[in-house]
Amino acid sequence: MVDEAVRLIHAEGIAALTLREVGSRLGVSRSALYRHFADKDALVAAVALEGFRMLRAALREAWRTAAPGPRRLDGMGTAYVRFAVEHPSHYRVMFGADLAAMSETVAASDESVDAFQALVDGIVAQQRDGHLRPDEPKQLALYIWAVVHGVAMLALDGRLPPDVDVAALSGLANERLHTGIAR
C-alpha cells in the first residue's frame, strides 16, 4: 500500500492521494485499506516514515564507506542530495507542508530523529578527532542540513539552470561547508 501510494504521489502529486484511489489501483476495497490506515494522513505518515528509514540508512552507509579523515561528512551531504533526487515522492512527503495533520507523529518518530541523529553523530565523531570546530553539534547539523536541503529542493523543484550538474553543485556545497566548519 505504501509503495502504491509512493507511485501515485510520483505520478500525480500528493493532492491525488486518497485511500480510495490506492485501493482501486491495488484492486482492493477501500474498507480493506482502512484496516491498515485510519485515513489519508496515516498513509502519508507511513510514506514519510519509510522515507526517513531509507534516508537514515543512506546517511549511515555513506559514513561507513567513507575514508577516515576530515572530509568524512562530505559523503553524507552527497548521499542526502542523491536520496532526494532518487526518491522525490518520499522526500516531498517527508519535508512538505502536506505533513501538517500528522507532523507531530512523524517528527517524534524514531525514524526521523535517527536520520538527523546520524548527522549529529558524524559531527561529534569529527569533533572528537579534531577535524571540526567545537561548535554545538546540533547547531552544526542544522546548518549542514539547511545547505544540503536547499540544494535538494532547488534540484527537485527544477529551479536550477539546465546546465547545472546537481552532483557538482552538491560537491561545491560540501566543499564550502567543510571550509566553514573545519578546525
N, C-alpha and C. Protein backbone atom coordinates (compact mmCIF):
# COMPACT_ATOMS: atom_id res chain seq x y z
N MET A 1 0.82 -1.20 0.00
CA MET A 1 0.00 0.00 0.00
C MET A 1 0.86 1.26 0.00
N VAL A 2 1.93 1.22 0.80
CA VAL A 2 2.83 2.36 0.83
C VAL A 2 3.51 2.52 -0.53
N ASP A 3 3.94 1.42 -1.12
CA ASP A 3 4.58 1.50 -2.45
C ASP A 3 3.63 2.09 -3.49
N GLU A 4 2.37 1.69 -3.44
CA GLU A 4 1.40 2.22 -4.40
C GLU A 4 1.15 3.70 -4.12
N ALA A 5 1.11 4.08 -2.86
CA ALA A 5 0.95 5.50 -2.51
C ALA A 5 2.11 6.31 -3.07
N VAL A 6 3.32 5.78 -2.96
CA VAL A 6 4.50 6.48 -3.49
C VAL A 6 4.40 6.62 -5.00
N ARG A 7 3.98 5.56 -5.68
CA ARG A 7 3.82 5.63 -7.14
C ARG A 7 2.77 6.68 -7.53
N LEU A 8 1.67 6.72 -6.80
CA LEU A 8 0.62 7.69 -7.08
C LEU A 8 1.11 9.11 -6.83
N ILE A 9 1.80 9.32 -5.74
CA ILE A 9 2.34 10.66 -5.45
C ILE A 9 3.30 11.07 -6.55
N HIS A 10 4.15 10.15 -6.97
CA HIS A 10 5.12 10.45 -8.03
C HIS A 10 4.42 10.83 -9.34
N ALA A 11 3.37 10.10 -9.67
CA ALA A 11 2.68 10.31 -10.94
C ALA A 11 1.77 11.53 -10.93
N GLU A 12 1.07 11.74 -9.81
CA GLU A 12 0.01 12.76 -9.82
C GLU A 12 0.09 13.79 -8.70
N GLY A 13 1.03 13.63 -7.78
CA GLY A 13 1.16 14.57 -6.68
C GLY A 13 0.38 14.13 -5.45
N ILE A 14 0.72 14.73 -4.35
CA ILE A 14 0.11 14.36 -3.06
C ILE A 14 -1.39 14.64 -3.05
N ALA A 15 -1.83 15.65 -3.76
CA ALA A 15 -3.25 16.00 -3.76
C ALA A 15 -4.12 14.88 -4.33
N ALA A 16 -3.53 14.07 -5.21
CA ALA A 16 -4.29 12.98 -5.84
C ALA A 16 -4.38 11.74 -4.94
N LEU A 17 -3.63 11.73 -3.86
CA LEU A 17 -3.61 10.55 -2.99
C LEU A 17 -4.87 10.46 -2.15
N THR A 18 -5.58 9.37 -2.33
CA THR A 18 -6.72 9.04 -1.47
C THR A 18 -6.66 7.54 -1.22
N LEU A 19 -7.25 7.11 -0.12
CA LEU A 19 -7.33 5.67 0.15
C LEU A 19 -8.12 4.97 -0.95
N ARG A 20 -9.15 5.61 -1.41
CA ARG A 20 -9.97 5.03 -2.48
C ARG A 20 -9.14 4.78 -3.74
N GLU A 21 -8.32 5.77 -4.13
CA GLU A 21 -7.51 5.62 -5.35
C GLU A 21 -6.44 4.54 -5.17
N VAL A 22 -5.81 4.49 -4.01
CA VAL A 22 -4.82 3.44 -3.76
C VAL A 22 -5.49 2.08 -3.81
N GLY A 23 -6.63 1.95 -3.17
CA GLY A 23 -7.38 0.69 -3.21
C GLY A 23 -7.74 0.30 -4.63
N SER A 24 -8.19 1.26 -5.41
CA SER A 24 -8.56 0.99 -6.80
C SER A 24 -7.36 0.48 -7.59
N ARG A 25 -6.23 1.12 -7.41
CA ARG A 25 -5.01 0.71 -8.13
C ARG A 25 -4.54 -0.68 -7.71
N LEU A 26 -4.79 -1.02 -6.45
CA LEU A 26 -4.38 -2.34 -5.95
C LEU A 26 -5.44 -3.40 -6.16
N GLY A 27 -6.63 -2.98 -6.55
CA GLY A 27 -7.72 -3.92 -6.75
C GLY A 27 -8.32 -4.44 -5.46
N VAL A 28 -8.28 -3.60 -4.42
CA VAL A 28 -8.88 -3.98 -3.14
C VAL A 28 -9.89 -2.92 -2.73
N SER A 29 -10.77 -3.28 -1.85
CA SER A 29 -11.78 -2.33 -1.41
C SER A 29 -11.18 -1.28 -0.48
N ARG A 30 -11.83 -0.15 -0.43
CA ARG A 30 -11.40 0.92 0.45
C ARG A 30 -11.44 0.45 1.90
N SER A 31 -12.43 -0.36 2.24
CA SER A 31 -12.53 -0.83 3.63
C SER A 31 -11.34 -1.71 3.99
N ALA A 32 -10.76 -2.41 3.01
CA ALA A 32 -9.56 -3.20 3.29
C ALA A 32 -8.40 -2.29 3.68
N LEU A 33 -8.30 -1.14 3.03
CA LEU A 33 -7.23 -0.19 3.37
C LEU A 33 -7.43 0.39 4.77
N TYR A 34 -8.68 0.62 5.14
CA TYR A 34 -8.96 1.21 6.45
C TYR A 34 -8.57 0.27 7.59
N ARG A 35 -8.38 -1.01 7.30
CA ARG A 35 -7.89 -1.93 8.33
C ARG A 35 -6.43 -1.66 8.65
N HIS A 36 -5.72 -1.03 7.71
CA HIS A 36 -4.30 -0.74 7.88
C HIS A 36 -4.01 0.73 8.19
N PHE A 37 -4.83 1.61 7.64
CA PHE A 37 -4.62 3.05 7.82
C PHE A 37 -5.95 3.71 8.16
N ALA A 38 -5.96 4.49 9.22
CA ALA A 38 -7.19 5.14 9.67
C ALA A 38 -7.70 6.16 8.65
N ASP A 39 -6.77 6.81 7.95
CA ASP A 39 -7.14 7.83 6.99
C ASP A 39 -5.94 8.15 6.10
N LYS A 40 -6.13 9.12 5.21
CA LYS A 40 -5.06 9.52 4.29
C LYS A 40 -3.83 9.98 5.05
N ASP A 41 -4.01 10.74 6.13
CA ASP A 41 -2.86 11.23 6.89
C ASP A 41 -2.02 10.09 7.43
N ALA A 42 -2.66 9.01 7.85
CA ALA A 42 -1.91 7.86 8.36
C ALA A 42 -1.09 7.21 7.24
N LEU A 43 -1.65 7.15 6.04
CA LEU A 43 -0.92 6.60 4.91
C LEU A 43 0.25 7.51 4.52
N VAL A 44 0.01 8.81 4.51
CA VAL A 44 1.08 9.77 4.19
C VAL A 44 2.18 9.68 5.24
N ALA A 45 1.80 9.54 6.51
CA ALA A 45 2.81 9.39 7.58
C ALA A 45 3.63 8.13 7.35
N ALA A 46 3.00 7.05 6.91
CA ALA A 46 3.74 5.81 6.64
C ALA A 46 4.75 6.02 5.51
N VAL A 47 4.38 6.78 4.49
CA VAL A 47 5.31 7.09 3.41
C VAL A 47 6.48 7.91 3.96
N ALA A 48 6.19 8.90 4.77
CA ALA A 48 7.25 9.73 5.36
C ALA A 48 8.18 8.90 6.23
N LEU A 49 7.62 8.05 7.06
CA LEU A 49 8.45 7.24 7.96
C LEU A 49 9.33 6.27 7.17
N GLU A 50 8.79 5.70 6.10
CA GLU A 50 9.61 4.84 5.25
C GLU A 50 10.76 5.65 4.65
N GLY A 51 10.46 6.87 4.22
CA GLY A 51 11.49 7.74 3.66
C GLY A 51 12.58 8.04 4.68
N PHE A 52 12.19 8.34 5.91
CA PHE A 52 13.21 8.62 6.93
C PHE A 52 14.07 7.40 7.21
N ARG A 53 13.48 6.21 7.19
CA ARG A 53 14.28 4.98 7.37
C ARG A 53 15.30 4.85 6.23
N MET A 54 14.84 5.09 5.02
CA MET A 54 15.72 4.99 3.86
C MET A 54 16.82 6.05 3.90
N LEU A 55 16.47 7.27 4.28
CA LEU A 55 17.46 8.34 4.37
C LEU A 55 18.50 8.02 5.44
N ARG A 56 18.04 7.58 6.60
CA ARG A 56 18.96 7.22 7.68
C ARG A 56 19.94 6.15 7.20
N ALA A 57 19.44 5.14 6.51
CA ALA A 57 20.30 4.07 6.01
C ALA A 57 21.32 4.62 5.00
N ALA A 58 20.88 5.51 4.13
CA ALA A 58 21.79 6.11 3.13
C ALA A 58 22.88 6.94 3.81
N LEU A 59 22.50 7.72 4.82
CA LEU A 59 23.48 8.54 5.53
C LEU A 59 24.48 7.67 6.29
N ARG A 60 23.99 6.66 6.96
CA ARG A 60 24.90 5.77 7.72
C ARG A 60 25.82 4.99 6.78
N GLU A 61 25.30 4.57 5.64
CA GLU A 61 26.13 3.86 4.67
C GLU A 61 27.21 4.78 4.11
N ALA A 62 26.87 6.02 3.84
CA ALA A 62 27.85 6.99 3.35
C ALA A 62 28.96 7.19 4.39
N TRP A 63 28.58 7.27 5.65
CA TRP A 63 29.58 7.43 6.72
C TRP A 63 30.45 6.18 6.81
N ARG A 64 29.81 5.03 6.77
CA ARG A 64 30.52 3.77 6.94
C ARG A 64 31.54 3.54 5.83
N THR A 65 31.20 3.93 4.62
CA THR A 65 32.07 3.65 3.48
C THR A 65 33.06 4.76 3.16
N ALA A 66 32.96 5.88 3.85
CA ALA A 66 33.88 7.00 3.61
C ALA A 66 35.25 6.69 4.20
N ALA A 67 36.26 7.19 3.54
CA ALA A 67 37.61 7.05 4.07
C ALA A 67 37.72 7.87 5.36
N PRO A 68 38.35 7.32 6.38
CA PRO A 68 38.53 8.10 7.61
C PRO A 68 39.28 9.39 7.32
N GLY A 69 38.92 10.42 8.05
CA GLY A 69 39.61 11.70 7.87
C GLY A 69 38.67 12.87 7.94
N PRO A 70 39.21 14.05 7.69
CA PRO A 70 38.45 15.29 7.90
C PRO A 70 37.30 15.49 6.92
N ARG A 71 37.26 14.79 5.80
CA ARG A 71 36.21 15.02 4.80
C ARG A 71 35.12 13.95 4.85
N ARG A 72 35.03 13.25 5.94
CA ARG A 72 34.11 12.12 6.04
C ARG A 72 32.64 12.53 5.91
N LEU A 73 32.30 13.74 6.34
CA LEU A 73 30.91 14.20 6.25
C LEU A 73 30.47 14.50 4.82
N ASP A 74 31.43 14.69 3.92
CA ASP A 74 31.08 15.02 2.53
C ASP A 74 30.17 13.96 1.91
N GLY A 75 30.49 12.71 2.18
CA GLY A 75 29.68 11.62 1.62
C GLY A 75 28.25 11.67 2.11
N MET A 76 28.07 12.11 3.35
CA MET A 76 26.72 12.21 3.89
C MET A 76 25.94 13.30 3.16
N GLY A 77 26.59 14.42 2.89
CA GLY A 77 25.93 15.50 2.16
C GLY A 77 25.53 15.07 0.76
N THR A 78 26.45 14.37 0.10
CA THR A 78 26.17 13.85 -1.24
C THR A 78 25.03 12.83 -1.19
N ALA A 79 25.06 11.95 -0.19
CA ALA A 79 24.02 10.93 -0.06
C ALA A 79 22.65 11.57 0.18
N TYR A 80 22.61 12.65 0.94
CA TYR A 80 21.36 13.34 1.23
C TYR A 80 20.73 13.87 -0.06
N VAL A 81 21.53 14.59 -0.84
CA VAL A 81 21.01 15.16 -2.10
C VAL A 81 20.63 14.04 -3.06
N ARG A 82 21.45 13.00 -3.15
CA ARG A 82 21.14 11.87 -4.03
C ARG A 82 19.83 11.21 -3.61
N PHE A 83 19.62 11.04 -2.31
CA PHE A 83 18.37 10.45 -1.84
C PHE A 83 17.19 11.29 -2.31
N ALA A 84 17.27 12.60 -2.15
CA ALA A 84 16.15 13.48 -2.56
C ALA A 84 15.86 13.35 -4.04
N VAL A 85 16.91 13.33 -4.86
CA VAL A 85 16.73 13.26 -6.31
C VAL A 85 16.21 11.88 -6.74
N GLU A 86 16.68 10.83 -6.08
CA GLU A 86 16.26 9.47 -6.45
C GLU A 86 14.91 9.07 -5.87
N HIS A 87 14.49 9.72 -4.79
CA HIS A 87 13.23 9.38 -4.12
C HIS A 87 12.40 10.65 -3.88
N PRO A 88 12.06 11.36 -4.96
CA PRO A 88 11.39 12.65 -4.79
C PRO A 88 10.03 12.56 -4.09
N SER A 89 9.29 11.49 -4.30
CA SER A 89 7.97 11.38 -3.65
C SER A 89 8.14 11.25 -2.14
N HIS A 90 9.03 10.38 -1.73
CA HIS A 90 9.30 10.25 -0.29
C HIS A 90 9.77 11.59 0.27
N TYR A 91 10.73 12.19 -0.41
CA TYR A 91 11.35 13.42 0.08
C TYR A 91 10.31 14.55 0.23
N ARG A 92 9.48 14.71 -0.76
CA ARG A 92 8.47 15.78 -0.68
C ARG A 92 7.49 15.54 0.47
N VAL A 93 7.15 14.28 0.68
CA VAL A 93 6.25 13.97 1.79
C VAL A 93 6.96 14.19 3.12
N MET A 94 8.24 13.78 3.21
CA MET A 94 9.00 13.92 4.46
C MET A 94 9.14 15.37 4.89
N PHE A 95 9.32 16.27 3.92
CA PHE A 95 9.63 17.65 4.26
C PHE A 95 8.61 18.65 3.73
N GLY A 96 7.48 18.17 3.23
CA GLY A 96 6.49 19.06 2.66
C GLY A 96 5.46 19.55 3.65
N ALA A 97 4.76 20.56 3.26
CA ALA A 97 3.70 21.14 4.09
C ALA A 97 2.53 20.18 4.26
N ASP A 98 2.46 19.16 3.43
CA ASP A 98 1.35 18.22 3.50
C ASP A 98 1.38 17.37 4.77
N LEU A 99 2.42 17.49 5.55
CA LEU A 99 2.53 16.72 6.78
C LEU A 99 1.85 17.40 7.96
N ALA A 100 1.22 18.52 7.74
CA ALA A 100 0.66 19.30 8.84
C ALA A 100 -0.21 18.46 9.78
N ALA A 101 -1.06 17.62 9.25
CA ALA A 101 -2.00 16.87 10.09
C ALA A 101 -1.32 15.83 10.95
N MET A 102 -0.18 15.30 10.49
CA MET A 102 0.47 14.27 11.28
C MET A 102 1.93 14.57 11.56
N SER A 103 2.31 15.84 11.46
CA SER A 103 3.71 16.21 11.63
C SER A 103 4.24 15.86 13.01
N GLU A 104 3.42 15.96 14.02
CA GLU A 104 3.87 15.62 15.37
C GLU A 104 4.24 14.14 15.46
N THR A 105 3.44 13.29 14.85
CA THR A 105 3.73 11.85 14.83
C THR A 105 5.03 11.58 14.10
N VAL A 106 5.21 12.19 12.95
CA VAL A 106 6.41 11.96 12.15
C VAL A 106 7.63 12.56 12.85
N ALA A 107 7.52 13.78 13.34
CA ALA A 107 8.66 14.45 13.97
C ALA A 107 9.13 13.71 15.22
N ALA A 108 8.22 13.09 15.94
CA ALA A 108 8.58 12.39 17.16
C ALA A 108 9.00 10.95 16.92
N SER A 109 8.92 10.50 15.69
CA SER A 109 9.23 9.09 15.40
C SER A 109 10.72 8.82 15.51
N ASP A 110 11.05 7.61 15.82
CA ASP A 110 12.45 7.20 15.86
C ASP A 110 13.10 7.39 14.49
N GLU A 111 12.35 7.14 13.43
CA GLU A 111 12.91 7.22 12.10
C GLU A 111 13.41 8.63 11.76
N SER A 112 12.59 9.64 12.00
CA SER A 112 13.03 10.99 11.66
C SER A 112 14.11 11.48 12.60
N VAL A 113 13.99 11.15 13.87
CA VAL A 113 15.01 11.54 14.85
C VAL A 113 16.34 10.86 14.51
N ASP A 114 16.29 9.57 14.17
CA ASP A 114 17.52 8.82 13.87
C ASP A 114 18.20 9.31 12.59
N ALA A 115 17.44 9.76 11.62
CA ALA A 115 18.05 10.29 10.39
C ALA A 115 18.86 11.54 10.72
N PHE A 116 18.32 12.43 11.51
CA PHE A 116 19.04 13.63 11.91
C PHE A 116 20.20 13.26 12.84
N GLN A 117 19.97 12.30 13.72
CA GLN A 117 21.00 11.89 14.67
C GLN A 117 22.21 11.30 13.96
N ALA A 118 22.02 10.67 12.81
CA ALA A 118 23.15 10.14 12.06
C ALA A 118 24.12 11.26 11.71
N LEU A 119 23.59 12.42 11.33
CA LEU A 119 24.43 13.57 11.03
C LEU A 119 25.09 14.11 12.30
N VAL A 120 24.33 14.24 13.36
CA VAL A 120 24.89 14.72 14.63
C VAL A 120 26.02 13.80 15.10
N ASP A 121 25.81 12.50 15.01
CA ASP A 121 26.84 11.54 15.42
C ASP A 121 28.12 11.71 14.61
N GLY A 122 27.95 11.93 13.30
CA GLY A 122 29.12 12.16 12.45
C GLY A 122 29.87 13.41 12.85
N ILE A 123 29.14 14.46 13.17
CA ILE A 123 29.76 15.72 13.60
C ILE A 123 30.53 15.51 14.90
N VAL A 124 29.91 14.84 15.86
CA VAL A 124 30.56 14.59 17.16
C VAL A 124 31.85 13.80 16.94
N ALA A 125 31.80 12.78 16.09
CA ALA A 125 33.00 11.97 15.82
C ALA A 125 34.09 12.83 15.18
N GLN A 126 33.71 13.69 14.24
CA GLN A 126 34.69 14.56 13.59
C GLN A 126 35.26 15.59 14.57
N GLN A 127 34.44 16.07 15.49
CA GLN A 127 34.94 16.98 16.52
C GLN A 127 35.91 16.26 17.45
N ARG A 128 35.54 15.06 17.85
CA ARG A 128 36.39 14.26 18.74
C ARG A 128 37.76 14.01 18.10
N ASP A 129 37.77 13.82 16.78
CA ASP A 129 39.03 13.57 16.07
C ASP A 129 39.77 14.86 15.73
N GLY A 130 39.21 16.01 16.14
CA GLY A 130 39.87 17.29 15.93
C GLY A 130 39.72 17.87 14.54
N HIS A 131 38.77 17.37 13.75
CA HIS A 131 38.60 17.85 12.38
C HIS A 131 37.63 19.01 12.24
N LEU A 132 36.71 19.18 13.20
CA LEU A 132 35.70 20.23 13.11
C LEU A 132 35.79 21.17 14.30
N ARG A 133 35.29 22.37 14.07
CA ARG A 133 35.22 23.36 15.14
C ARG A 133 34.38 22.80 16.29
N PRO A 134 34.64 23.26 17.49
CA PRO A 134 33.91 22.73 18.65
C PRO A 134 32.55 23.40 18.88
N ASP A 135 31.91 23.83 17.81
CA ASP A 135 30.58 24.41 17.94
C ASP A 135 29.60 23.35 18.43
N GLU A 136 28.45 23.79 18.88
CA GLU A 136 27.42 22.86 19.38
C GLU A 136 27.00 21.95 18.22
N PRO A 137 27.11 20.61 18.39
CA PRO A 137 26.87 19.68 17.29
C PRO A 137 25.49 19.79 16.63
N LYS A 138 24.45 19.99 17.40
CA LYS A 138 23.12 20.08 16.78
C LYS A 138 22.98 21.34 15.94
N GLN A 139 23.61 22.43 16.37
CA GLN A 139 23.57 23.65 15.56
C GLN A 139 24.33 23.44 14.25
N LEU A 140 25.49 22.79 14.32
CA LEU A 140 26.23 22.50 13.10
C LEU A 140 25.40 21.59 12.18
N ALA A 141 24.73 20.61 12.77
CA ALA A 141 23.90 19.70 11.98
C ALA A 141 22.78 20.48 11.28
N LEU A 142 22.15 21.41 11.98
CA LEU A 142 21.10 22.22 11.36
C LEU A 142 21.66 23.07 10.22
N TYR A 143 22.84 23.61 10.41
CA TYR A 143 23.49 24.40 9.37
C TYR A 143 23.76 23.54 8.13
N ILE A 144 24.35 22.37 8.34
CA ILE A 144 24.64 21.47 7.22
C ILE A 144 23.35 21.05 6.53
N TRP A 145 22.36 20.69 7.33
CA TRP A 145 21.07 20.26 6.77
C TRP A 145 20.46 21.37 5.91
N ALA A 146 20.51 22.61 6.42
CA ALA A 146 19.92 23.72 5.66
C ALA A 146 20.57 23.84 4.28
N VAL A 147 21.87 23.68 4.21
CA VAL A 147 22.56 23.82 2.93
C VAL A 147 22.21 22.67 1.99
N VAL A 148 22.34 21.42 2.47
CA VAL A 148 22.08 20.30 1.56
C VAL A 148 20.59 20.20 1.21
N HIS A 149 19.73 20.57 2.13
CA HIS A 149 18.30 20.58 1.85
C HIS A 149 17.99 21.63 0.78
N GLY A 150 18.66 22.76 0.85
CA GLY A 150 18.47 23.79 -0.17
C GLY A 150 18.86 23.30 -1.55
N VAL A 151 20.00 22.64 -1.66
CA VAL A 151 20.42 22.08 -2.95
C VAL A 151 19.40 21.06 -3.43
N ALA A 152 18.97 20.18 -2.52
CA ALA A 152 18.00 19.14 -2.89
C ALA A 152 16.69 19.75 -3.39
N MET A 153 16.17 20.73 -2.69
CA MET A 153 14.89 21.33 -3.09
C MET A 153 15.00 22.09 -4.40
N LEU A 154 16.10 22.80 -4.60
CA LEU A 154 16.29 23.50 -5.87
C LEU A 154 16.31 22.51 -7.03
N ALA A 155 16.98 21.37 -6.81
CA ALA A 155 17.03 20.34 -7.86
C ALA A 155 15.63 19.76 -8.10
N LEU A 156 14.91 19.41 -7.03
CA LEU A 156 13.59 18.80 -7.19
C LEU A 156 12.58 19.74 -7.81
N ASP A 157 12.67 21.00 -7.46
CA ASP A 157 11.71 21.98 -7.97
C ASP A 157 12.06 22.51 -9.35
N GLY A 158 13.15 22.02 -9.92
CA GLY A 158 13.55 22.48 -11.25
C GLY A 158 13.99 23.93 -11.26
N ARG A 159 14.50 24.41 -10.15
CA ARG A 159 14.90 25.82 -10.04
C ARG A 159 16.34 26.07 -10.45
N LEU A 160 17.07 25.01 -10.77
CA LEU A 160 18.46 25.18 -11.21
C LEU A 160 18.48 25.31 -12.72
N PRO A 161 19.39 26.12 -13.23
CA PRO A 161 19.52 26.21 -14.70
C PRO A 161 19.81 24.83 -15.29
N PRO A 162 19.36 24.58 -16.51
CA PRO A 162 19.51 23.25 -17.11
C PRO A 162 20.96 22.76 -17.20
N ASP A 163 21.89 23.69 -17.28
CA ASP A 163 23.29 23.28 -17.43
C ASP A 163 23.98 23.01 -16.09
N VAL A 164 23.26 23.12 -14.98
CA VAL A 164 23.86 22.87 -13.67
C VAL A 164 23.82 21.38 -13.35
N ASP A 165 24.98 20.85 -13.04
CA ASP A 165 25.12 19.45 -12.63
C ASP A 165 24.85 19.39 -11.12
N VAL A 166 23.78 18.71 -10.73
CA VAL A 166 23.38 18.65 -9.32
C VAL A 166 24.49 18.04 -8.47
N ALA A 167 25.14 17.00 -8.97
CA ALA A 167 26.22 16.36 -8.21
C ALA A 167 27.38 17.34 -8.01
N ALA A 168 27.70 18.12 -9.03
CA ALA A 168 28.78 19.10 -8.90
C ALA A 168 28.40 20.20 -7.91
N LEU A 169 27.15 20.64 -7.96
CA LEU A 169 26.70 21.65 -7.00
C LEU A 169 26.73 21.09 -5.59
N SER A 170 26.32 19.86 -5.43
CA SER A 170 26.38 19.20 -4.13
C SER A 170 27.82 19.13 -3.64
N GLY A 171 28.74 18.81 -4.53
CA GLY A 171 30.16 18.77 -4.17
C GLY A 171 30.68 20.14 -3.75
N LEU A 172 30.27 21.18 -4.45
CA LEU A 172 30.68 22.54 -4.09
C LEU A 172 30.10 22.91 -2.72
N ALA A 173 28.84 22.56 -2.50
CA ALA A 173 28.23 22.83 -1.18
C ALA A 173 29.01 22.12 -0.08
N ASN A 174 29.38 20.86 -0.32
CA ASN A 174 30.18 20.12 0.67
C ASN A 174 31.51 20.81 0.92
N GLU A 175 32.16 21.25 -0.15
CA GLU A 175 33.45 21.93 -0.03
C GLU A 175 33.33 23.19 0.81
N ARG A 176 32.32 24.01 0.52
CA ARG A 176 32.14 25.26 1.26
C ARG A 176 31.70 25.01 2.71
N LEU A 177 30.89 24.00 2.91
CA LEU A 177 30.52 23.62 4.28
C LEU A 177 31.76 23.23 5.05
N HIS A 178 32.58 22.41 4.45
CA HIS A 178 33.79 21.95 5.12
C HIS A 178 34.70 23.13 5.48
N THR A 179 34.85 24.04 4.55
CA THR A 179 35.68 25.23 4.80
C THR A 179 35.15 26.02 5.99
N GLY A 180 33.84 26.10 6.11
CA GLY A 180 33.25 26.88 7.19
C GLY A 180 33.27 26.22 8.56
N ILE A 181 33.34 24.89 8.61
CA ILE A 181 33.25 24.21 9.92
C ILE A 181 34.52 23.47 10.30
N ALA A 182 35.51 23.43 9.39
CA ALA A 182 36.76 22.73 9.69
C ALA A 182 37.52 23.47 10.79
N ARG A 183 38.29 22.72 11.48
CA ARG A 183 39.11 23.29 12.55
C ARG A 183 40.41 23.75 12.00
